[in-house]
Amino acid sequence: MVTIRAAKEEDIPALLDIYNHIITNTTAVYHYQPHTMEMRKAWYDSRVKEGFPVFVAEDDGKVVGFSSYGPFRPWPAYKYTMENSVYVADGQRGKGIGKLLMEPLIRTAREKDVHAIIAVIDATNDASVQLHRSFGFQEVGHFREVGYKFDRWLDLTFMELVLDTPKHPVGG
């Protein structure tokens, strides 16, 4: 049975394995080279330090997916908008793990007064588009040929979920 929990530092090698497989075999991430342990640890440490959630899906003691969100853009006026990520291990996709990982992200976003969650998805990733759509995300943009990987041009789909938070926004 798959359970969802907060990630721990000892999960970083599994997160790295999942992420690197996605880099080298899919267009879900627009990197060319696998990441190092140092890079994934720095990513994890940054998420923890900045108070952003990282969740893992665990099946029989093995991490089979992870999700997180972080800043959409670095400028102050974007403080209520986050960009999410959901990654499921090879061989584990199509089992509903992505849905299990999405639920705590949205719940945590509401608790932390996030107003909008943005998903940036390779336009050919129908499974991710459908996952986000099932949670109420709507397509708000389509960018043609903005990436190049595996000897072809790649399109991006932007999807957005607007939450009813914060109740009392603060800003300039």
Protein backbone atom coordinates (compact mmCIF):
# COMPACT_ATOMS: atom_id res chain seq x y z
CA MET A 1 0.00 0.00 0.00
CA VAL A 2 1.31 3.43 -0.95
CA THR A 3 1.60 5.98 1.85
CA ILE A 4 2.44 9.67 1.62
CA ARG A 5 4.70 11.36 4.15
CA ALA A 6 7.01 14.32 4.49
CA ALA A 7 10.38 13.68 2.91
CA LYS A 8 13.43 13.15 5.09
CA GLU A 9 17.08 13.76 4.33
CA GLU A 10 17.68 10.04 3.95
CA ASP A 11 15.21 10.05 1.02
CA ILE A 12 17.48 12.24 -1.09
CA PRO A 13 19.20 9.35 -2.94
CA ALA A 14 15.80 7.98 -4.00
CA LEU A 15 14.64 11.47 -5.06
CA LEU A 16 17.81 11.79 -7.11
CA ASP A 17 17.27 8.42 -8.80
CA ILE A 18 13.69 9.27 -9.74
CA TYR A 19 14.62 12.74 -10.99
CA ASN A 20 17.62 11.55 -12.99
CA HIS A 21 15.62 8.82 -14.70
CA ILE A 22 13.09 11.45 -15.71
CA ILE A 23 15.85 13.76 -17.00
CA THR A 24 17.50 11.08 -19.12
CA ASN A 25 14.37 9.34 -20.42
CA THR A 26 11.51 11.85 -20.64
CA THR A 27 10.63 15.42 -21.53
CA ALA A 28 9.02 16.06 -18.13
CA VAL A 29 12.19 17.94 -17.12
CA TYR A 30 14.08 20.12 -19.59
CA HIS A 31 17.55 19.31 -18.27
CA TYR A 32 20.08 17.45 -20.41
CA GLN A 33 22.45 16.09 -17.78
CA PRO A 34 21.61 14.06 -14.66
CA HIS A 35 21.91 15.92 -11.38
CA THR A 36 24.48 15.11 -8.73
CA MET A 37 23.81 14.18 -5.13
CA GLU A 38 25.08 17.62 -4.13
CA MET A 39 22.57 19.32 -6.43
CA ARG A 40 19.62 17.30 -5.12
CA LYS A 41 20.70 17.84 -1.51
CA ALA A 42 20.99 21.60 -2.12
CA TRP A 43 17.49 21.56 -3.65
CA TYR A 44 16.10 19.65 -0.65
CA ASP A 45 17.91 21.84 1.90
CA SER A 46 16.60 24.96 0.16
CA ARG A 47 13.03 23.67 0.26
CA VAL A 48 13.30 22.85 3.96
CA LYS A 49 14.99 26.16 4.85
CA GLU A 50 12.38 28.19 2.96
CA GLY A 51 9.46 26.24 4.46
CA PHE A 52 8.27 24.60 1.24
CA PRO A 53 6.85 21.08 1.44
CA VAL A 54 8.44 17.96 0.00
CA PHE A 55 6.32 14.82 0.11
CA VAL A 56 7.27 11.27 -0.83
CA ALA A 57 5.15 8.32 -1.84
CA GLU A 58 6.39 5.15 -0.23
CA ASP A 59 5.44 1.61 -1.19
CA ASP A 60 6.71 -1.25 0.96
CA GLY A 61 9.55 0.91 2.31
CA LYS A 62 10.64 2.19 -1.12
CA VAL A 63 10.21 5.79 -2.32
CA VAL A 64 8.24 5.65 -5.57
CA GLY A 65 7.51 9.34 -6.12
CA PHE A 66 7.78 12.84 -4.72
CA SER A 67 6.12 16.22 -4.94
CA SER A 68 6.90 19.76 -3.91
CA TYR A 69 6.25 23.37 -4.68
CA GLY A 70 8.41 26.44 -4.63
CA PRO A 71 8.46 30.02 -5.85
CA PHE A 72 6.95 30.66 -9.27
CA ARG A 73 9.08 33.78 -9.78
CA PRO A 74 11.61 35.47 -7.45
CA TRP A 75 9.98 38.92 -7.17
CA PRO A 76 8.00 39.92 -4.04
CA ALA A 77 4.62 40.42 -5.72
CA TYR A 78 4.61 36.72 -6.66
CA LYS A 79 4.77 35.60 -3.02
CA TYR A 80 1.28 34.06 -3.17
CA THR A 81 2.02 32.03 -6.32
CA MET A 82 3.89 28.72 -6.34
CA GLU A 83 5.02 26.29 -9.03
CA ASN A 84 4.42 22.63 -8.27
CA SER A 85 6.26 19.46 -9.25
CA VAL A 86 5.08 15.86 -9.10
CA TYR A 87 7.39 13.00 -10.12
CA VAL A 88 6.65 9.28 -10.09
CA ALA A 89 9.27 6.57 -10.50
CA ASP A 90 9.56 4.56 -13.68
CA GLY A 91 7.41 1.44 -13.45
CA GLN A 92 5.10 3.09 -10.90
CA ARG A 93 3.21 5.46 -13.18
CA GLY A 94 -0.48 4.92 -13.85
CA LYS A 95 -1.17 3.62 -10.34
CA GLY A 96 -2.64 6.81 -8.86
CA ILE A 97 0.56 7.82 -7.05
CA GLY A 98 0.53 11.27 -8.64
CA LYS A 99 -2.95 11.91 -7.23
CA LEU A 100 -1.81 10.82 -3.78
CA LEU A 101 1.15 13.22 -4.01
CA MET A 102 -0.95 16.14 -5.27
CA GLU A 103 -3.47 16.12 -2.41
CA PRO A 104 -1.07 17.17 0.38
CA LEU A 105 0.50 19.83 -1.87
CA ILE A 106 -2.83 21.56 -2.37
CA ARG A 107 -3.81 21.18 1.29
CA THR A 108 -0.46 22.62 2.42
CA ALA A 109 -0.74 25.45 -0.10
CA ARG A 110 -4.09 26.45 1.40
CA GLU A 111 -2.68 26.26 4.93
CA LYS A 112 0.24 28.50 3.90
CA ASP A 113 -1.99 31.07 2.17
CA VAL A 114 -0.87 30.29 -1.36
CA HIS A 115 -3.30 31.86 -3.83
CA ALA A 116 -2.26 30.25 -7.13
CA ILE A 117 -0.41 27.07 -8.04
CA ILE A 118 1.17 26.95 -11.48
CA ALA A 119 2.06 23.71 -13.25
CA VAL A 120 4.53 23.93 -16.13
CA ILE A 121 4.09 20.74 -18.15
CA ASP A 122 5.58 19.41 -21.36
CA ALA A 123 2.64 19.64 -23.77
CA THR A 124 2.96 15.97 -24.76
CA ASN A 125 2.71 14.79 -21.14
CA ASP A 126 -0.97 13.87 -21.27
CA ALA A 127 -0.85 12.03 -17.94
CA SER A 128 0.36 15.13 -16.11
CA VAL A 129 -2.14 17.39 -17.86
CA GLN A 130 -4.96 15.00 -16.90
CA LEU A 131 -3.69 14.73 -13.31
CA HIS A 132 -3.70 18.49 -12.90
CA ARG A 133 -7.05 18.86 -14.63
CA SER A 134 -8.55 16.32 -12.19
CA PHE A 135 -7.64 18.70 -9.33
CA GLY A 136 -9.23 21.72 -11.00
CA PHE A 137 -6.19 23.17 -12.76
CA GLN A 138 -7.05 24.97 -16.00
CA GLU A 139 -4.82 25.54 -18.99
CA VAL A 140 -3.84 29.21 -19.10
CA GLY A 141 -1.07 29.16 -21.66
CA HIS A 142 0.64 27.17 -24.38
CA PHE A 143 4.14 28.06 -25.50
CA ARG A 144 5.31 26.61 -28.80
CA GLU A 145 8.83 25.30 -29.33
CA VAL A 146 10.35 26.80 -26.19
CA GLY A 147 12.50 23.78 -25.36
CA TYR A 148 14.76 21.47 -27.35
CA LYS A 149 15.53 17.94 -26.19
CA PHE A 150 15.92 14.53 -27.82
CA ASP A 151 16.43 16.20 -31.22
CA ARG A 152 13.05 17.90 -31.30
CA TRP A 153 11.31 21.12 -30.31
CA LEU A 154 9.13 20.97 -27.21
CA ASP A 155 5.99 22.89 -26.30
CA LEU A 156 5.00 23.84 -22.75
CA THR A 157 1.53 23.95 -21.27
CA PHE A 158 0.92 26.24 -18.29
CA MET A 159 -1.92 25.22 -15.97
CA GLU A 160 -3.19 27.12 -12.94
CA LEU A 161 -5.21 26.37 -9.84
CA VAL A 162 -6.53 29.46 -8.06
CA LEU A 163 -7.26 28.92 -4.36
CA ASP A 164 -9.55 30.98 -2.12
CA THR A 165 -6.60 32.10 0.00
CA PRO A 166 -5.22 34.24 1.51
CA LYS A 167 -8.07 35.86 3.35
CA HIS A 168 -6.04 39.01 4.03
CA PRO A 169 -3.23 39.47 1.45
CA VAL A 170 -0.37 41.76 2.39
CA GLY A 171 1.78 43.61 -0.12
CA GLY A 172 2.78 46.84 -1.74
